[in-house]
Amino acid sequence: MEPLISSLGEMGLDQLNISHEIARKLLLRHGATFRLNDSGNKGSERILSFDPLPRVIGASEWLELERGQIQRLEVIDYF
């Protein structure tokens, strides 16, 4: 975790915000969006949300996430 914190400190908040905006525009340009159908035929298009800071997840949490993903994929296959 220390290398991550060190890298973020070196990057600084301004560069982190710039990188986040670049990533947001890239997602929009590549169509990683979904549409909210608030009312009528006109829905607002939004990019998939993402966090500009990585989340550090321990090995045991990864195993739990993996089991959940496998379970969901098996259910989808049944449908």
PDB file of N, CA and C in Angstrom:
ATOM      1  N   MET A   1       0.826  -1.182   0.000  1.00  0.00           N
ATOM      2  CA  MET A   1       0.000   0.000   0.000  1.00  0.00           C
ATOM      3  C   MET A   1       0.875   1.252   0.000  1.00  0.00           C
ATOM      4  N   GLU A   2       2.035   1.172   0.596  1.00  0.00           N
ATOM      5  CA  GLU A   2       2.929   2.335   0.661  1.00  0.00           C
ATOM      6  C   GLU A   2       3.321   2.846  -0.727  1.00  0.00           C
ATOM      7  N   PRO A   3       3.638   1.960  -1.699  1.00  0.00           N
ATOM      8  CA  PRO A   3       3.963   2.470  -3.040  1.00  0.00           C
ATOM      9  C   PRO A   3       2.805   3.253  -3.671  1.00  0.00           C
ATOM     10  N   LEU A   4       1.584   2.804  -3.425  1.00  0.00           N
ATOM     11  CA  LEU A   4       0.410   3.506  -3.963  1.00  0.00           C
ATOM     12  C   LEU A   4       0.297   4.901  -3.353  1.00  0.00           C
ATOM     13  N   ILE A   5       0.406   4.983  -2.056  1.00  0.00           N
ATOM     14  CA  ILE A   5       0.292   6.274  -1.371  1.00  0.00           C
ATOM     15  C   ILE A   5       1.417   7.209  -1.811  1.00  0.00           C
ATOM     16  N   SER A   6       2.607   6.666  -1.951  1.00  0.00           N
ATOM     17  CA  SER A   6       3.747   7.471  -2.395  1.00  0.00           C
ATOM     18  C   SER A   6       3.525   8.009  -3.814  1.00  0.00           C
ATOM     19  N   SER A   7       3.048   7.143  -4.708  1.00  0.00           N
ATOM     20  CA  SER A   7       2.791   7.551  -6.095  1.00  0.00           C
ATOM     21  C   SER A   7       1.718   8.634  -6.169  1.00  0.00           C
ATOM     22  N   LEU A   8       0.668   8.467  -5.387  1.00  0.00           N
ATOM     23  CA  LEU A   8      -0.396   9.471  -5.382  1.00  0.00           C
ATOM     24  C   LEU A   8       0.113  10.799  -4.843  1.00  0.00           C
ATOM     25  N   GLY A   9       0.979  10.733  -3.826  1.00  0.00           N
ATOM     26  CA  GLY A   9       1.556  11.954  -3.283  1.00  0.00           C
ATOM     27  C   GLY A   9       2.421  12.678  -4.298  1.00  0.00           C
ATOM     28  N   GLU A  10       3.190  11.907  -5.066  1.00  0.00           N
ATOM     29  CA  GLU A  10       4.033  12.501  -6.108  1.00  0.00           C
ATOM     30  C   GLU A  10       3.185  13.084  -7.238  1.00  0.00           C
ATOM     31  N   MET A  11       2.081  12.420  -7.541  1.00  0.00           N
ATOM     32  CA  MET A  11       1.205  12.873  -8.622  1.00  0.00           C
ATOM     33  C   MET A  11       0.562  14.204  -8.272  1.00  0.00           C
ATOM     34  N   GLY A  12       0.073  14.330  -7.065  1.00  0.00           N
ATOM     35  CA  GLY A  12      -0.591  15.555  -6.643  1.00  0.00           C
ATOM     36  C   GLY A  12      -2.044  15.593  -7.073  1.00  0.00           C
ATOM     37  N   LEU A  13      -2.817  16.407  -6.384  1.00  0.00           N
ATOM     38  CA  LEU A  13      -4.256  16.495  -6.615  1.00  0.00           C
ATOM     39  C   LEU A  13      -4.595  17.046  -8.001  1.00  0.00           C
ATOM     40  N   ASP A  14      -3.861  18.046  -8.466  1.00  0.00           N
ATOM     41  CA  ASP A  14      -4.150  18.618  -9.781  1.00  0.00           C
ATOM     42  C   ASP A  14      -3.997  17.583 -10.882  1.00  0.00           C
ATOM     43  N   GLN A  15      -2.904  16.827 -10.857  1.00  0.00           N
ATOM     44  CA  GLN A  15      -2.686  15.808 -11.892  1.00  0.00           C
ATOM     45  C   GLN A  15      -3.701  14.678 -11.775  1.00  0.00           C
ATOM     46  N   LEU A  16      -4.078  14.323 -10.554  1.00  0.00           N
ATOM     47  CA  LEU A  16      -5.093  13.293 -10.360  1.00  0.00           C
ATOM     48  C   LEU A  16      -6.416  13.736 -10.973  1.00  0.00           C
ATOM     49  N   ASN A  17      -6.787  14.995 -10.773  1.00  0.00           N
ATOM     50  CA  ASN A  17      -8.026  15.515 -11.363  1.00  0.00           C
ATOM     51  C   ASN A  17      -7.953  15.548 -12.880  1.00  0.00           C
ATOM     52  N   ILE A  18      -6.810  15.912 -13.427  1.00  0.00           N
ATOM     53  CA  ILE A  18      -6.635  15.923 -14.887  1.00  0.00           C
ATOM     54  C   ILE A  18      -6.769  14.502 -15.437  1.00  0.00           C
ATOM     55  N   SER A  19      -6.114  13.555 -14.790  1.00  0.00           N
ATOM     56  CA  SER A  19      -6.178  12.153 -15.237  1.00  0.00           C
ATOM     57  C   SER A  19      -7.602  11.607 -15.156  1.00  0.00           C
ATOM     58  N   HIS A  20      -8.323  11.987 -14.117  1.00  0.00           N
ATOM     59  CA  HIS A  20      -9.711  11.542 -13.963  1.00  0.00           C
ATOM     60  C   HIS A  20     -10.570  12.089 -15.096  1.00  0.00           C
ATOM     61  N   GLU A  21     -10.382  13.344 -15.461  1.00  0.00           N
ATOM     62  CA  GLU A  21     -11.149  13.949 -16.545  1.00  0.00           C
ATOM     63  C   GLU A  21     -10.813  13.294 -17.884  1.00  0.00           C
ATOM     64  N   ILE A  22      -9.548  12.995 -18.107  1.00  0.00           N
ATOM     65  CA  ILE A  22      -9.139  12.301 -19.344  1.00  0.00           C
ATOM     66  C   ILE A  22      -9.813  10.936 -19.424  1.00  0.00           C
ATOM     67  N   ALA A  23      -9.821  10.214 -18.305  1.00  0.00           N
ATOM     68  CA  ALA A  23     -10.459   8.894 -18.277  1.00  0.00           C
ATOM     69  C   ALA A  23     -11.962   9.012 -18.522  1.00  0.00           C
ATOM     70  N   ARG A  24     -12.597  10.021 -17.937  1.00  0.00           N
ATOM     71  CA  ARG A  24     -14.035  10.237 -18.132  1.00  0.00           C
ATOM     72  C   ARG A  24     -14.354  10.467 -19.605  1.00  0.00           C
ATOM     73  N   LYS A  25     -13.555  11.310 -20.258  1.00  0.00           N
ATOM     74  CA  LYS A  25     -13.775  11.596 -21.684  1.00  0.00           C
ATOM     75  C   LYS A  25     -13.527  10.362 -22.540  1.00  0.00           C
ATOM     76  N   LEU A  26     -12.542   9.554 -22.167  1.00  0.00           N
ATOM     77  CA  LEU A  26     -12.249   8.326 -22.903  1.00  0.00           C
ATOM     78  C   LEU A  26     -13.422   7.347 -22.807  1.00  0.00           C
ATOM     79  N   LEU A  27     -13.979   7.196 -21.621  1.00  0.00           N
ATOM     80  CA  LEU A  27     -15.145   6.322 -21.454  1.00  0.00           C
ATOM     81  C   LEU A  27     -16.319   6.812 -22.298  1.00  0.00           C
ATOM     82  N   LEU A  28     -16.536   8.110 -22.314  1.00  0.00           N
ATOM     83  CA  LEU A  28     -17.630   8.683 -23.096  1.00  0.00           C
ATOM     84  C   LEU A  28     -17.406   8.449 -24.591  1.00  0.00           C
ATOM     85  N   ARG A  29     -16.177   8.686 -25.047  1.00  0.00           N
ATOM     86  CA  ARG A  29     -15.855   8.526 -26.468  1.00  0.00           C
ATOM     87  C   ARG A  29     -16.006   7.068 -26.922  1.00  0.00           C
ATOM     88  N   HIS A  30     -15.689   6.129 -26.035  1.00  0.00           N
ATOM     89  CA  HIS A  30     -15.764   4.716 -26.393  1.00  0.00           C
ATOM     90  C   HIS A  30     -17.134   4.109 -26.110  1.00  0.00           C
ATOM     91  N   GLY A  31     -18.068   4.922 -25.664  1.00  0.00           N
ATOM     92  CA  GLY A  31     -19.443   4.457 -25.497  1.00  0.00           C
ATOM     93  C   GLY A  31     -19.689   3.641 -24.249  1.00  0.00           C
ATOM     94  N   ALA A  32     -18.865   3.804 -23.224  1.00  0.00           N
ATOM     95  CA  ALA A  32     -19.100   3.092 -21.961  1.00  0.00           C
ATOM     96  C   ALA A  32     -20.142   3.881 -21.172  1.00  0.00           C
ATOM     97  N   THR A  33     -21.351   3.881 -21.703  1.00  0.00           N
ATOM     98  CA  THR A  33     -22.423   4.696 -21.139  1.00  0.00           C
ATOM     99  C   THR A  33     -23.680   3.872 -20.928  1.00  0.00           C
ATOM    100  N   PHE A  34     -24.600   4.453 -20.200  1.00  0.00           N
ATOM    101  CA  PHE A  34     -25.928   3.878 -20.056  1.00  0.00           C
ATOM    102  C   PHE A  34     -26.923   5.029 -20.066  1.00  0.00           C
ATOM    103  N   ARG A  35     -28.163   4.712 -20.354  1.00  0.00           N
ATOM    104  CA  ARG A  35     -29.189   5.745 -20.474  1.00  0.00           C
ATOM    105  C   ARG A  35     -30.202   5.583 -19.343  1.00  0.00           C
ATOM    106  N   LEU A  36     -30.495   6.704 -18.696  1.00  0.00           N
ATOM    107  CA  LEU A  36     -31.543   6.730 -17.687  1.00  0.00           C
ATOM    108  C   LEU A  36     -32.816   7.222 -18.347  1.00  0.00           C
ATOM    109  N   ASN A  37     -33.837   6.450 -18.269  1.00  0.00           N
ATOM    110  CA  ASN A  37     -35.116   6.848 -18.857  1.00  0.00           C
ATOM    111  C   ASN A  37     -35.962   7.502 -17.784  1.00  0.00           C
ATOM    112  N   ASP A  38     -35.666   8.787 -17.511  1.00  0.00           N
ATOM    113  CA  ASP A  38     -36.365   9.516 -16.462  1.00  0.00           C
ATOM    114  C   ASP A  38     -37.843   9.666 -16.785  1.00  0.00           C
ATOM    115  N   SER A  39     -38.098  10.225 -17.956  1.00  0.00           N
ATOM    116  CA  SER A  39     -39.489  10.432 -18.332  1.00  0.00           C
ATOM    117  C   SER A  39     -39.580  10.531 -19.845  1.00  0.00           C
ATOM    118  N   GLY A  40     -40.604   9.915 -20.389  1.00  0.00           N
ATOM    119  CA  GLY A  40     -40.798   9.964 -21.831  1.00  0.00           C
ATOM    120  C   GLY A  40     -39.715   9.219 -22.598  1.00  0.00           C
ATOM    121  N   ASN A  41     -39.506   9.640 -23.845  1.00  0.00           N
ATOM    122  CA  ASN A  41     -38.524   8.977 -24.705  1.00  0.00           C
ATOM    123  C   ASN A  41     -37.120   9.533 -24.537  1.00  0.00           C
ATOM    124  N   LYS A  42     -37.016  10.689 -23.886  1.00  0.00           N
ATOM    125  CA  LYS A  42     -35.706  11.311 -23.730  1.00  0.00           C
ATOM    126  C   LYS A  42     -35.096  10.897 -22.396  1.00  0.00           C
ATOM    127  N   GLY A  43     -34.021  10.135 -22.470  1.00  0.00           N
ATOM    128  CA  GLY A  43     -33.314   9.747 -21.263  1.00  0.00           C
ATOM    129  C   GLY A  43     -31.945  10.377 -21.277  1.00  0.00           C
ATOM    130  N   SER A  44     -31.371  10.568 -20.131  1.00  0.00           N
ATOM    131  CA  SER A  44     -30.048  11.171 -20.085  1.00  0.00           C
ATOM    132  C   SER A  44     -28.977  10.083 -20.142  1.00  0.00           C
ATOM    133  N   GLU A  45     -27.968  10.309 -20.953  1.00  0.00           N
ATOM    134  CA  GLU A  45     -26.882   9.355 -21.118  1.00  0.00           C
ATOM    135  C   GLU A  45     -25.765   9.700 -20.143  1.00  0.00           C
ATOM    136  N   ARG A  46     -25.258   8.676 -19.464  1.00  0.00           N
ATOM    137  CA  ARG A  46     -24.199   8.872 -18.478  1.00  0.00           C
ATOM    138  C   ARG A  46     -23.100   7.835 -18.686  1.00  0.00           C
ATOM    139  N   ILE A  47     -21.895   8.222 -18.304  1.00  0.00           N
ATOM    140  CA  ILE A  47     -20.811   7.238 -18.376  1.00  0.00           C
ATOM    141  C   ILE A  47     -20.903   6.323 -17.159  1.00  0.00           C
ATOM    142  N   LEU A  48     -20.291   5.162 -17.287  1.00  0.00           N
ATOM    143  CA  LEU A  48     -20.216   4.262 -16.149  1.00  0.00           C
ATOM    144  C   LEU A  48     -19.389   4.949 -15.064  1.00  0.00           C
ATOM    145  N   SER A  49     -19.869   4.929 -13.858  1.00  0.00           N
ATOM    146  CA  SER A  49     -19.158   5.626 -12.791  1.00  0.00           C
ATOM    147  C   SER A  49     -17.885   4.864 -12.409  1.00  0.00           C
ATOM    148  N   PHE A  50     -16.897   5.608 -12.005  1.00  0.00           N
ATOM    149  CA  PHE A  50     -15.647   5.002 -11.565  1.00  0.00           C
ATOM    150  C   PHE A  50     -14.975   5.927 -10.568  1.00  0.00           C
ATOM    151  N   ASP A  51     -14.176   5.346  -9.741  1.00  0.00           N
ATOM    152  CA  ASP A  51     -13.495   6.087  -8.689  1.00  0.00           C
ATOM    153  C   ASP A  51     -12.090   6.434  -9.179  1.00  0.00           C
ATOM    154  N   PRO A  52     -11.670   7.696  -9.089  1.00  0.00           N
ATOM    155  CA  PRO A  52     -10.333   8.056  -9.559  1.00  0.00           C
ATOM    156  C   PRO A  52      -9.218   7.492  -8.683  1.00  0.00           C
ATOM    157  N   LEU A  53      -9.548   7.098  -7.469  1.00  0.00           N
ATOM    158  CA  LEU A  53      -8.551   6.495  -6.589  1.00  0.00           C
ATOM    159  C   LEU A  53      -8.755   4.982  -6.541  1.00  0.00           C
ATOM    160  N   PRO A  54      -7.691   4.234  -6.708  1.00  0.00           N
ATOM    161  CA  PRO A  54      -7.844   2.768  -6.646  1.00  0.00           C
ATOM    162  C   PRO A  54      -8.232   2.325  -5.241  1.00  0.00           C
ATOM    163  N   ARG A  55      -8.995   1.283  -5.169  1.00  0.00           N
ATOM    164  CA  ARG A  55      -9.378   0.716  -3.883  1.00  0.00           C
ATOM    165  C   ARG A  55      -8.475  -0.480  -3.612  1.00  0.00           C
ATOM    166  N   VAL A  56      -7.846  -0.467  -2.481  1.00  0.00           N
ATOM    167  CA  VAL A  56      -6.961  -1.557  -2.107  1.00  0.00           C
ATOM    168  C   VAL A  56      -7.803  -2.641  -1.448  1.00  0.00           C
ATOM    169  N   ILE A  57      -7.744  -3.830  -2.028  1.00  0.00           N
ATOM    170  CA  ILE A  57      -8.555  -4.948  -1.549  1.00  0.00           C
ATOM    171  C   ILE A  57      -7.626  -6.099  -1.194  1.00  0.00           C
ATOM    172  N   GLY A  58      -7.807  -6.632  -0.003  1.00  0.00           N
ATOM    173  CA  GLY A  58      -6.984  -7.738   0.472  1.00  0.00           C
ATOM    174  C   GLY A  58      -7.338  -9.047  -0.211  1.00  0.00           C
ATOM    175  N   ALA A  59      -6.459 -10.024  -0.064  1.00  0.00           N
ATOM    176  CA  ALA A  59      -6.623 -11.325  -0.730  1.00  0.00           C
ATOM    177  C   ALA A  59      -7.926 -12.015  -0.332  1.00  0.00           C
ATOM    178  N   SER A  60      -8.292 -11.973   0.948  1.00  0.00           N
ATOM    179  CA  SER A  60      -9.527 -12.645   1.379  1.00  0.00           C
ATOM    180  C   SER A  60     -10.757 -11.984   0.757  1.00  0.00           C
ATOM    181  N   GLU A  61     -10.720 -10.665   0.613  1.00  0.00           N
ATOM    182  CA  GLU A  61     -11.839  -9.966  -0.022  1.00  0.00           C
ATOM    183  C   GLU A  61     -11.922 -10.321  -1.504  1.00  0.00           C
ATOM    184  N   TRP A  62     -10.757 -10.458  -2.168  1.00  0.00           N
ATOM    185  CA  TRP A  62     -10.748 -10.851  -3.568  1.00  0.00           C
ATOM    186  C   TRP A  62     -11.367 -12.235  -3.749  1.00  0.00           C
ATOM    187  N   LEU A  63     -11.057 -13.158  -2.833  1.00  0.00           N
ATOM    188  CA  LEU A  63     -11.625 -14.503  -2.930  1.00  0.00           C
ATOM    189  C   LEU A  63     -13.146 -14.455  -2.818  1.00  0.00           C
ATOM    190  N   GLU A  64     -13.652 -13.627  -1.914  1.00  0.00           N
ATOM    191  CA  GLU A  64     -15.102 -13.493  -1.762  1.00  0.00           C
ATOM    192  C   GLU A  64     -15.729 -12.884  -3.021  1.00  0.00           C
ATOM    193  N   LEU A  65     -15.083 -11.873  -3.580  1.00  0.00           N
ATOM    194  CA  LEU A  65     -15.581 -11.264  -4.820  1.00  0.00           C
ATOM    195  C   LEU A  65     -15.567 -12.270  -5.962  1.00  0.00           C
ATOM    196  N   GLU A  66     -14.502 -13.058  -6.031  1.00  0.00           N
ATOM    197  CA  GLU A  66     -14.401 -14.064  -7.092  1.00  0.00           C
ATOM    198  C   GLU A  66     -15.531 -15.081  -6.986  1.00  0.00           C
ATOM    199  N   ARG A  67     -15.812 -15.556  -5.782  1.00  0.00           N
ATOM    200  CA  ARG A  67     -16.906 -16.520  -5.601  1.00  0.00           C
ATOM    201  C   ARG A  67     -18.240 -15.908  -6.041  1.00  0.00           C
ATOM    202  N   GLY A  68     -18.456 -14.648  -5.695  1.00  0.00           N
ATOM    203  CA  GLY A  68     -19.698 -13.978  -6.094  1.00  0.00           C
ATOM    204  C   GLY A  68     -19.810 -13.824  -7.603  1.00  0.00           C
ATOM    205  N   GLN A  69     -18.704 -13.479  -8.251  1.00  0.00           N
ATOM    206  CA  GLN A  69     -18.723 -13.329  -9.709  1.00  0.00           C
ATOM    207  C   GLN A  69     -18.989 -14.663 -10.401  1.00  0.00           C
ATOM    208  N   ILE A  70     -18.344 -15.707  -9.919  1.00  0.00           N
ATOM    209  CA  ILE A  70     -18.573 -17.045 -10.499  1.00  0.00           C
ATOM    210  C   ILE A  70     -20.034 -17.439 -10.333  1.00  0.00           C
ATOM    211  N   GLN A  71     -20.582 -17.197  -9.149  1.00  0.00           N
ATOM    212  CA  GLN A  71     -21.979 -17.517  -8.887  1.00  0.00           C
ATOM    213  C   GLN A  71     -22.896 -16.759  -9.845  1.00  0.00           C
ATOM    214  N   ARG A  72     -22.657 -15.488 -10.036  1.00  0.00           N
ATOM    215  CA  ARG A  72     -23.501 -14.680 -10.924  1.00  0.00           C
ATOM    216  C   ARG A  72     -23.389 -15.133 -12.374  1.00  0.00           C
ATOM    217  N   LEU A  73     -22.184 -15.453 -12.809  1.00  0.00           N
ATOM    218  CA  LEU A  73     -22.009 -15.924 -14.187  1.00  0.00           C
ATOM    219  C   LEU A  73     -22.713 -17.258 -14.407  1.00  0.00           C
ATOM    220  N   GLU A  74     -22.674 -18.127 -13.429  1.00  0.00           N
ATOM    221  CA  GLU A  74     -23.380 -19.415 -13.556  1.00  0.00           C
ATOM    222  C   GLU A  74     -24.876 -19.191 -13.655  1.00  0.00           C
ATOM    223  N   VAL A  75     -25.414 -18.259 -12.864  1.00  0.00           N
ATOM    224  CA  VAL A  75     -26.842 -17.960 -12.924  1.00  0.00           C
ATOM    225  C   VAL A  75     -27.210 -17.385 -14.282  1.00  0.00           C
ATOM    226  N   ILE A  76     -26.392 -16.468 -14.802  1.00  0.00           N
ATOM    227  CA  ILE A  76     -26.656 -15.896 -16.112  1.00  0.00           C
ATOM    228  C   ILE A  76     -26.657 -16.978 -17.185  1.00  0.00           C
ATOM    229  N   ASP A  77     -25.752 -17.949 -17.090  1.00  0.00           N
ATOM    230  CA  ASP A  77     -25.718 -19.047 -18.054  1.00  0.00           C
ATOM    231  C   ASP A  77     -27.021 -19.849 -18.038  1.00  0.00           C
ATOM    232  N   TYR A  78     -27.621 -19.984 -16.870  1.00  0.00           N
ATOM    233  CA  TYR A  78     -28.882 -20.723 -16.787  1.00  0.00           C
ATOM    234  C   TYR A  78     -30.023 -20.013 -17.492  1.00  0.00           C
ATOM    235  N   PHE A  79     -29.962 -18.677 -17.519  1.00  0.00           N
ATOM    236  CA  PHE A  79     -31.005 -17.920 -18.195  1.00  0.00           C
ATOM    237  C   PHE A  79     -30.757 -17.907 -19.670  1.00  0.00           C
TER     238      PHE A  79
END
